Amino acid sequence: MTWVSDHFGQLLQVSGQHLVLALLPVLIGFVLSVPLGWVAHRWRLARTILIPLSGLLYTIPSLALFVVMPALIGTRILDPLNVQVALTIYTIALLVRSVADALDAVPGHVVAAANAMGFGQLRRFFTVDLPLSVPVLTAGVRVAAVTNISLASIGAIIGVESLGSFLTEGFNRTNYPEIIAGIVAILVLALVVDALLLLVGKLITPWTRATRGASKGASA
């Protein structure tokens, strides 16, 4: 506790940097994954290519990807952009399947009703398919966010400042309070972000609560 109180300001500052490092790729990855997931949902051939490819990308070791990223995008070795681009790739690898599965889960009779009402594909996607996919999408985004918060700490090994820096520096100095503080901070960030995303998912899908309530009433 003494170490935390002495370095609390630094801990907060680095936590903010860690959040930006981890969550900006989630946002960018989500935006890119939605059209890719839709393509995988819409065309079987595209699905047979995109889903295995995304799974293959996710198997690349994070440290190896961080190290080779400067050669791929022409950045400096200590540039945080290396970590952010790598985490964006991991986010896309996770979310492409989630988006495709979420769109697959939209009830067929709902899609048929929207088509019968004259909805074009674009209008139906944004007003029917995407809103009904939110619960599954939220689950995927939660996994991606928590995963990125964990992986961002590995960037400290190549010199990119994050909460992982407390682990590497604490290890070098055999400073166990610093190591524990870094671990706890990463866990707290992951739990808070996961809880916030869960709350947001519930707030933007009020019909799911109504459906559950109706189901409970019918069963009673």
C-alpha atoms as a PDB file:
ATOM      1  CA  MET A   1       0.000   0.000   0.000  1.00  0.00           C
ATOM      2  CA  THR A   2       2.906   2.365   0.671  1.00  0.00           C
ATOM      3  CA  TRP A   3       4.167   1.965  -2.891  1.00  0.00           C
ATOM      4  CA  VAL A   4       0.680   2.616  -4.293  1.00  0.00           C
ATOM      5  CA  SER A   5       0.186   5.763  -2.215  1.00  0.00           C
ATOM      6  CA  ASP A   6       3.622   7.062  -3.209  1.00  0.00           C
ATOM      7  CA  HIS A   7       3.036   6.424  -6.925  1.00  0.00           C
ATOM      8  CA  PHE A   8      -0.741   6.851  -7.175  1.00  0.00           C
ATOM      9  CA  GLY A   9      -0.539   9.752  -9.624  1.00  0.00           C
ATOM     10  CA  GLN A  10       1.771   7.814 -11.904  1.00  0.00           C
ATOM     11  CA  LEU A  11      -0.488   4.771 -11.643  1.00  0.00           C
ATOM     12  CA  LEU A  12      -3.500   6.814 -12.763  1.00  0.00           C
ATOM     13  CA  GLN A  13      -1.599   8.418 -15.630  1.00  0.00           C
ATOM     14  CA  VAL A  14      -0.293   5.120 -16.963  1.00  0.00           C
ATOM     15  CA  SER A  15      -3.747   3.556 -16.534  1.00  0.00           C
ATOM     16  CA  GLY A  16      -5.138   6.222 -18.857  1.00  0.00           C
ATOM     17  CA  GLN A  17      -2.408   5.530 -21.405  1.00  0.00           C
ATOM     18  CA  HIS A  18      -3.102   1.816 -21.101  1.00  0.00           C
ATOM     19  CA  LEU A  19      -6.816   2.337 -21.768  1.00  0.00           C
ATOM     20  CA  VAL A  20      -6.131   4.352 -24.921  1.00  0.00           C
ATOM     21  CA  LEU A  21      -3.593   1.768 -26.059  1.00  0.00           C
ATOM     22  CA  ALA A  22      -6.074  -1.079 -25.546  1.00  0.00           C
ATOM     23  CA  LEU A  23      -9.494   0.382 -26.379  1.00  0.00           C
ATOM     24  CA  LEU A  24      -8.808   2.504 -29.451  1.00  0.00           C
ATOM     25  CA  PRO A  25      -8.021  -0.708 -31.387  1.00  0.00           C
ATOM     26  CA  VAL A  26     -11.335  -2.157 -30.155  1.00  0.00           C
ATOM     27  CA  LEU A  27     -13.223   0.792 -31.633  1.00  0.00           C
ATOM     28  CA  ILE A  28     -11.339   0.714 -34.937  1.00  0.00           C
ATOM     29  CA  GLY A  29     -11.472  -3.075 -35.098  1.00  0.00           C
ATOM     30  CA  PHE A  30     -15.230  -3.083 -34.501  1.00  0.00           C
ATOM     31  CA  VAL A  31     -15.848  -0.559 -37.283  1.00  0.00           C
ATOM     32  CA  LEU A  32     -13.786  -2.671 -39.691  1.00  0.00           C
ATOM     33  CA  SER A  33     -15.227  -5.992 -38.512  1.00  0.00           C
ATOM     34  CA  VAL A  34     -18.879  -5.100 -39.103  1.00  0.00           C
ATOM     35  CA  PRO A  35     -18.646  -4.952 -42.923  1.00  0.00           C
ATOM     36  CA  LEU A  36     -16.289  -7.946 -43.001  1.00  0.00           C
ATOM     37  CA  GLY A  37     -18.647  -9.936 -40.786  1.00  0.00           C
ATOM     38  CA  TRP A  38     -21.599  -8.923 -42.948  1.00  0.00           C
ATOM     39  CA  VAL A  39     -19.764 -10.154 -46.053  1.00  0.00           C
ATOM     40  CA  ALA A  40     -19.013 -13.450 -44.276  1.00  0.00           C
ATOM     41  CA  HIS A  41     -22.686 -13.715 -43.290  1.00  0.00           C
ATOM     42  CA  ARG A  42     -23.953 -12.831 -46.761  1.00  0.00           C
ATOM     43  CA  TRP A  43     -21.757 -15.043 -48.955  1.00  0.00           C
ATOM     44  CA  ARG A  44     -20.698 -18.594 -48.137  1.00  0.00           C
ATOM     45  CA  LEU A  45     -17.483 -18.380 -50.181  1.00  0.00           C
ATOM     46  CA  ALA A  46     -16.428 -15.239 -48.320  1.00  0.00           C
ATOM     47  CA  ARG A  47     -17.183 -16.968 -45.021  1.00  0.00           C
ATOM     48  CA  THR A  48     -14.970 -19.939 -45.877  1.00  0.00           C
ATOM     49  CA  ILE A  49     -12.112 -17.476 -46.446  1.00  0.00           C
ATOM     50  CA  LEU A  50     -12.638 -14.790 -43.794  1.00  0.00           C
ATOM     51  CA  ILE A  51     -13.425 -16.956 -40.766  1.00  0.00           C
ATOM     52  CA  PRO A  52     -10.396 -19.289 -41.051  1.00  0.00           C
ATOM     53  CA  LEU A  53      -8.170 -16.319 -41.937  1.00  0.00           C
ATOM     54  CA  SER A  54      -9.287 -14.402 -38.853  1.00  0.00           C
ATOM     55  CA  GLY A  55      -8.648 -17.466 -36.716  1.00  0.00           C
ATOM     56  CA  LEU A  56      -5.178 -17.799 -38.221  1.00  0.00           C
ATOM     57  CA  LEU A  57      -4.354 -14.142 -37.494  1.00  0.00           C
ATOM     58  CA  TYR A  58      -5.332 -14.614 -33.863  1.00  0.00           C
ATOM     59  CA  THR A  59      -2.791 -17.418 -33.437  1.00  0.00           C
ATOM     60  CA  ILE A  60       0.150 -15.078 -34.159  1.00  0.00           C
ATOM     61  CA  PRO A  61       2.043 -14.492 -30.867  1.00  0.00           C
ATOM     62  CA  SER A  62       1.464 -10.923 -29.708  1.00  0.00           C
ATOM     63  CA  LEU A  63       5.103 -10.202 -28.848  1.00  0.00           C
ATOM     64  CA  ALA A  64       6.247 -11.389 -32.274  1.00  0.00           C
ATOM     65  CA  LEU A  65       3.658  -9.181 -33.966  1.00  0.00           C
ATOM     66  CA  PHE A  66       4.681  -6.165 -31.860  1.00  0.00           C
ATOM     67  CA  VAL A  67       8.317  -6.695 -32.842  1.00  0.00           C
ATOM     68  CA  VAL A  68       7.764  -7.036 -36.601  1.00  0.00           C
ATOM     69  CA  MET A  69       5.186  -4.247 -36.825  1.00  0.00           C
ATOM     70  CA  PRO A  70       7.757  -1.424 -37.325  1.00  0.00           C
ATOM     71  CA  ALA A  71       9.077  -3.221 -40.406  1.00  0.00           C
ATOM     72  CA  LEU A  72       5.543  -3.672 -41.730  1.00  0.00           C
ATOM     73  CA  ILE A  73       4.218  -0.123 -41.249  1.00  0.00           C
ATOM     74  CA  GLY A  74       7.444   1.895 -41.119  1.00  0.00           C
ATOM     75  CA  THR A  75       7.236   3.170 -37.541  1.00  0.00           C
ATOM     76  CA  ARG A  76       9.840   3.504 -34.805  1.00  0.00           C
ATOM     77  CA  ILE A  77      10.343   0.488 -32.552  1.00  0.00           C
ATOM     78  CA  LEU A  78       9.041   2.381 -29.491  1.00  0.00           C
ATOM     79  CA  ASP A  79       6.026   3.902 -31.253  1.00  0.00           C
ATOM     80  CA  PRO A  80       2.759   2.977 -29.454  1.00  0.00           C
ATOM     81  CA  LEU A  81       1.185   2.730 -32.910  1.00  0.00           C
ATOM     82  CA  ASN A  82       2.895  -0.651 -33.288  1.00  0.00           C
ATOM     83  CA  VAL A  83       0.901  -2.044 -30.386  1.00  0.00           C
ATOM     84  CA  GLN A  84      -2.324  -0.351 -31.470  1.00  0.00           C
ATOM     85  CA  VAL A  85      -2.145  -1.709 -35.017  1.00  0.00           C
ATOM     86  CA  ALA A  86      -1.357  -5.199 -33.721  1.00  0.00           C
ATOM     87  CA  LEU A  87      -4.262  -5.060 -31.259  1.00  0.00           C
ATOM     88  CA  THR A  88      -6.550  -3.839 -34.032  1.00  0.00           C
ATOM     89  CA  ILE A  89      -5.613  -6.952 -36.012  1.00  0.00           C
ATOM     90  CA  TYR A  90      -6.425  -9.155 -33.007  1.00  0.00           C
ATOM     91  CA  THR A  91      -9.728  -7.330 -32.508  1.00  0.00           C
ATOM     92  CA  ILE A  92     -10.729  -7.892 -36.129  1.00  0.00           C
ATOM     93  CA  ALA A  93      -9.691 -11.533 -35.831  1.00  0.00           C
ATOM     94  CA  LEU A  94     -12.022 -11.914 -32.839  1.00  0.00           C
ATOM     95  CA  LEU A  95     -14.956  -9.865 -34.059  1.00  0.00           C
ATOM     96  CA  VAL A  96     -15.362 -10.987 -37.673  1.00  0.00           C
ATOM     97  CA  ARG A  97     -16.750 -14.329 -36.502  1.00  0.00           C
ATOM     98  CA  SER A  98     -18.802 -12.621 -33.773  1.00  0.00           C
ATOM     99  CA  VAL A  99     -20.424 -10.279 -36.301  1.00  0.00           C
ATOM    100  CA  ALA A 100     -21.146 -13.118 -38.731  1.00  0.00           C
ATOM    101  CA  ASP A 101     -22.611 -15.302 -35.968  1.00  0.00           C
ATOM    102  CA  ALA A 102     -24.661 -12.388 -34.630  1.00  0.00           C
ATOM    103  CA  LEU A 103     -26.196 -11.731 -38.043  1.00  0.00           C
ATOM    104  CA  ASP A 104     -26.801 -15.455 -38.532  1.00  0.00           C
ATOM    105  CA  ALA A 105     -28.774 -15.438 -35.269  1.00  0.00           C
ATOM    106  CA  VAL A 106     -31.326 -12.865 -36.482  1.00  0.00           C
ATOM    107  CA  PRO A 107     -34.629 -14.797 -36.752  1.00  0.00           C
ATOM    108  CA  GLY A 108     -35.540 -15.664 -40.322  1.00  0.00           C
ATOM    109  CA  HIS A 109     -39.172 -14.613 -39.915  1.00  0.00           C
ATOM    110  CA  VAL A 110     -38.030 -11.134 -38.851  1.00  0.00           C
ATOM    111  CA  VAL A 111     -35.856 -10.833 -41.948  1.00  0.00           C
ATOM    112  CA  ALA A 112     -38.739 -12.071 -44.108  1.00  0.00           C
ATOM    113  CA  ALA A 113     -41.108  -9.534 -42.543  1.00  0.00           C
ATOM    114  CA  ALA A 114     -38.668  -6.686 -43.179  1.00  0.00           C
ATOM    115  CA  ASN A 115     -38.249  -7.789 -46.787  1.00  0.00           C
ATOM    116  CA  ALA A 116     -42.030  -7.991 -47.221  1.00  0.00           C
ATOM    117  CA  MET A 117     -42.326  -4.412 -45.953  1.00  0.00           C
ATOM    118  CA  GLY A 118     -40.017  -3.281 -48.736  1.00  0.00           C
ATOM    119  CA  PHE A 119     -36.834  -2.774 -46.721  1.00  0.00           C
ATOM    120  CA  GLY A 120     -33.722  -2.597 -48.873  1.00  0.00           C
ATOM    121  CA  GLN A 121     -30.646  -4.489 -47.710  1.00  0.00           C
ATOM    122  CA  LEU A 122     -28.914  -1.398 -46.339  1.00  0.00           C
ATOM    123  CA  ARG A 123     -31.988  -0.132 -44.509  1.00  0.00           C
ATOM    124  CA  ARG A 124     -32.748  -3.588 -43.134  1.00  0.00           C
ATOM    125  CA  PHE A 125     -29.165  -3.986 -41.946  1.00  0.00           C
ATOM    126  CA  PHE A 126     -29.148  -0.776 -39.914  1.00  0.00           C
ATOM    127  CA  THR A 127     -32.734  -0.887 -38.625  1.00  0.00           C
ATOM    128  CA  VAL A 128     -33.331  -4.616 -38.149  1.00  0.00           C
ATOM    129  CA  ASP A 129     -30.300  -6.894 -38.438  1.00  0.00           C
ATOM    130  CA  LEU A 130     -27.757  -4.784 -36.564  1.00  0.00           C
ATOM    131  CA  PRO A 131     -29.995  -3.820 -33.596  1.00  0.00           C
ATOM    132  CA  LEU A 132     -31.081  -7.442 -33.113  1.00  0.00           C
ATOM    133  CA  SER A 133     -27.428  -8.504 -33.249  1.00  0.00           C
ATOM    134  CA  VAL A 134     -26.378  -6.193 -30.414  1.00  0.00           C
ATOM    135  CA  PRO A 135     -26.476  -8.796 -27.573  1.00  0.00           C
ATOM    136  CA  VAL A 136     -24.138 -11.158 -29.439  1.00  0.00           C
ATOM    137  CA  LEU A 137     -21.977  -8.274 -30.664  1.00  0.00           C
ATOM    138  CA  THR A 138     -21.685  -6.906 -27.132  1.00  0.00           C
ATOM    139  CA  ALA A 139     -20.402 -10.262 -25.911  1.00  0.00           C
ATOM    140  CA  GLY A 140     -17.762 -10.259 -28.647  1.00  0.00           C
ATOM    141  CA  VAL A 141     -16.693  -6.687 -27.936  1.00  0.00           C
ATOM    142  CA  ARG A 142     -16.394  -7.486 -24.219  1.00  0.00           C
ATOM    143  CA  VAL A 143     -14.045 -10.375 -24.989  1.00  0.00           C
ATOM    144  CA  ALA A 144     -12.008  -8.198 -27.365  1.00  0.00           C
ATOM    145  CA  ALA A 145     -11.745  -5.336 -24.860  1.00  0.00           C
ATOM    146  CA  VAL A 146     -10.638  -7.523 -21.958  1.00  0.00           C
ATOM    147  CA  THR A 147      -8.194  -9.384 -24.204  1.00  0.00           C
ATOM    148  CA  ASN A 148      -6.677  -6.122 -25.445  1.00  0.00           C
ATOM    149  CA  ILE A 149      -6.294  -4.773 -21.919  1.00  0.00           C
ATOM    150  CA  SER A 150      -4.284  -7.880 -21.126  1.00  0.00           C
ATOM    151  CA  LEU A 151      -2.243  -7.898 -24.353  1.00  0.00           C
ATOM    152  CA  ALA A 152      -1.430  -4.180 -24.153  1.00  0.00           C
ATOM    153  CA  SER A 153       0.684  -4.886 -21.079  1.00  0.00           C
ATOM    154  CA  ILE A 154       3.021  -7.011 -23.215  1.00  0.00           C
ATOM    155  CA  GLY A 155       3.986  -3.863 -25.101  1.00  0.00           C
ATOM    156  CA  ALA A 156       6.100  -2.897 -22.089  1.00  0.00           C
ATOM    157  CA  ILE A 157       8.583  -5.608 -23.076  1.00  0.00           C
ATOM    158  CA  ILE A 158       9.451  -3.652 -26.240  1.00  0.00           C
ATOM    159  CA  GLY A 159       9.466  -0.313 -24.400  1.00  0.00           C
ATOM    160  CA  VAL A 160       5.900   0.940 -24.995  1.00  0.00           C
ATOM    161  CA  GLU A 161       4.672   2.405 -21.715  1.00  0.00           C
ATOM    162  CA  SER A 162       1.629   0.714 -20.224  1.00  0.00           C
ATOM    163  CA  LEU A 163       0.629  -0.896 -16.955  1.00  0.00           C
ATOM    164  CA  GLY A 164       2.907  -3.728 -18.011  1.00  0.00           C
ATOM    165  CA  SER A 165       5.797  -1.331 -17.373  1.00  0.00           C
ATOM    166  CA  PHE A 166       5.203  -1.770 -13.650  1.00  0.00           C
ATOM    167  CA  LEU A 167       5.651  -5.512 -14.107  1.00  0.00           C
ATOM    168  CA  THR A 168       8.875  -5.285 -16.106  1.00  0.00           C
ATOM    169  CA  GLU A 169      10.402  -2.541 -13.962  1.00  0.00           C
ATOM    170  CA  GLY A 170       9.292  -4.240 -10.766  1.00  0.00           C
ATOM    171  CA  PHE A 171      10.838  -7.486 -11.947  1.00  0.00           C
ATOM    172  CA  ASN A 172      14.125  -5.758 -12.796  1.00  0.00           C
ATOM    173  CA  ARG A 173      14.239  -4.133  -9.346  1.00  0.00           C
ATOM    174  CA  THR A 174      12.734  -7.109  -7.498  1.00  0.00           C
ATOM    175  CA  ASN A 175      10.033  -4.702  -6.329  1.00  0.00           C
ATOM    176  CA  TYR A 176       7.083  -6.959  -5.544  1.00  0.00           C
ATOM    177  CA  PRO A 177       4.663  -4.188  -4.468  1.00  0.00           C
ATOM    178  CA  GLU A 178       5.163  -2.553  -7.877  1.00  0.00           C
ATOM    179  CA  ILE A 179       4.519  -5.857  -9.655  1.00  0.00           C
ATOM    180  CA  ILE A 180       1.387  -6.534  -7.610  1.00  0.00           C
ATOM    181  CA  ALA A 181       0.125  -2.983  -8.179  1.00  0.00           C
ATOM    182  CA  GLY A 182       0.519  -3.415 -11.939  1.00  0.00           C
ATOM    183  CA  ILE A 183      -1.303  -6.753 -11.935  1.00  0.00           C
ATOM    184  CA  VAL A 184      -4.153  -5.433  -9.793  1.00  0.00           C
ATOM    185  CA  ALA A 185      -4.490  -2.305 -11.941  1.00  0.00           C
ATOM    186  CA  ILE A 186      -4.786  -4.417 -15.109  1.00  0.00           C
ATOM    187  CA  LEU A 187      -7.405  -6.642 -13.462  1.00  0.00           C
ATOM    188  CA  VAL A 188      -9.405  -3.655 -12.207  1.00  0.00           C
ATOM    189  CA  LEU A 189      -9.347  -1.987 -15.627  1.00  0.00           C
ATOM    190  CA  ALA A 190     -10.521  -5.196 -17.286  1.00  0.00           C
ATOM    191  CA  LEU A 191     -13.349  -5.686 -14.775  1.00  0.00           C
ATOM    192  CA  VAL A 192     -14.516  -2.065 -14.988  1.00  0.00           C
ATOM    193  CA  VAL A 193     -14.472  -1.971 -18.790  1.00  0.00           C
ATOM    194  CA  ASP A 194     -16.264  -5.327 -18.990  1.00  0.00           C
ATOM    195  CA  ALA A 195     -18.956  -4.128 -16.562  1.00  0.00           C
ATOM    196  CA  LEU A 196     -19.419  -0.859 -18.470  1.00  0.00           C
ATOM    197  CA  LEU A 197     -19.771  -2.650 -21.803  1.00  0.00           C
ATOM    198  CA  LEU A 198     -22.281  -5.058 -20.266  1.00  0.00           C
ATOM    199  CA  LEU A 199     -24.274  -2.089 -18.936  1.00  0.00           C
ATOM    200  CA  VAL A 200     -24.168  -0.284 -22.286  1.00  0.00           C
ATOM    201  CA  GLY A 201     -25.333  -3.443 -24.033  1.00  0.00           C
ATOM    202  CA  LYS A 202     -28.337  -3.689 -21.712  1.00  0.00           C
ATOM    203  CA  LEU A 203     -29.186   0.005 -22.040  1.00  0.00           C
ATOM    204  CA  ILE A 204     -29.274  -0.048 -25.839  1.00  0.00           C
ATOM    205  CA  THR A 205     -31.325  -3.270 -26.003  1.00  0.00           C
ATOM    206  CA  PRO A 206     -34.295  -2.608 -23.683  1.00  0.00           C
ATOM    207  CA  TRP A 207     -36.424  -5.060 -25.662  1.00  0.00           C
ATOM    208  CA  THR A 208     -34.331  -7.985 -24.391  1.00  0.00           C
ATOM    209  CA  ARG A 209     -35.373  -7.200 -20.819  1.00  0.00           C
ATOM    210  CA  ALA A 210     -39.006  -6.951 -21.889  1.00  0.00           C
ATOM    211  CA  THR A 211     -38.754 -10.300 -23.666  1.00  0.00           C
ATOM    212  CA  ARG A 212     -37.222 -11.972 -20.611  1.00  0.00           C
ATOM    213  CA  GLY A 213     -39.917 -10.469 -18.411  1.00  0.00           C
ATOM    214  CA  ALA A 214     -42.665 -11.725 -20.709  1.00  0.00           C
ATOM    215  CA  SER A 215     -41.103 -15.192 -20.793  1.00  0.00           C
ATOM    216  CA  LYS A 216     -40.969 -15.349 -17.001  1.00  0.00           C
ATOM    217  CA  GLY A 217     -44.577 -14.209 -16.774  1.00  0.00           C
ATOM    218  CA  ALA A 218     -45.703 -16.857 -19.250  1.00  0.00           C
ATOM    219  CA  SER A 219     -43.819 -19.619 -17.437  1.00  0.00           C
ATOM    220  CA  ALA A 220     -45.332 -18.559 -14.107  1.00  0.00           C
END
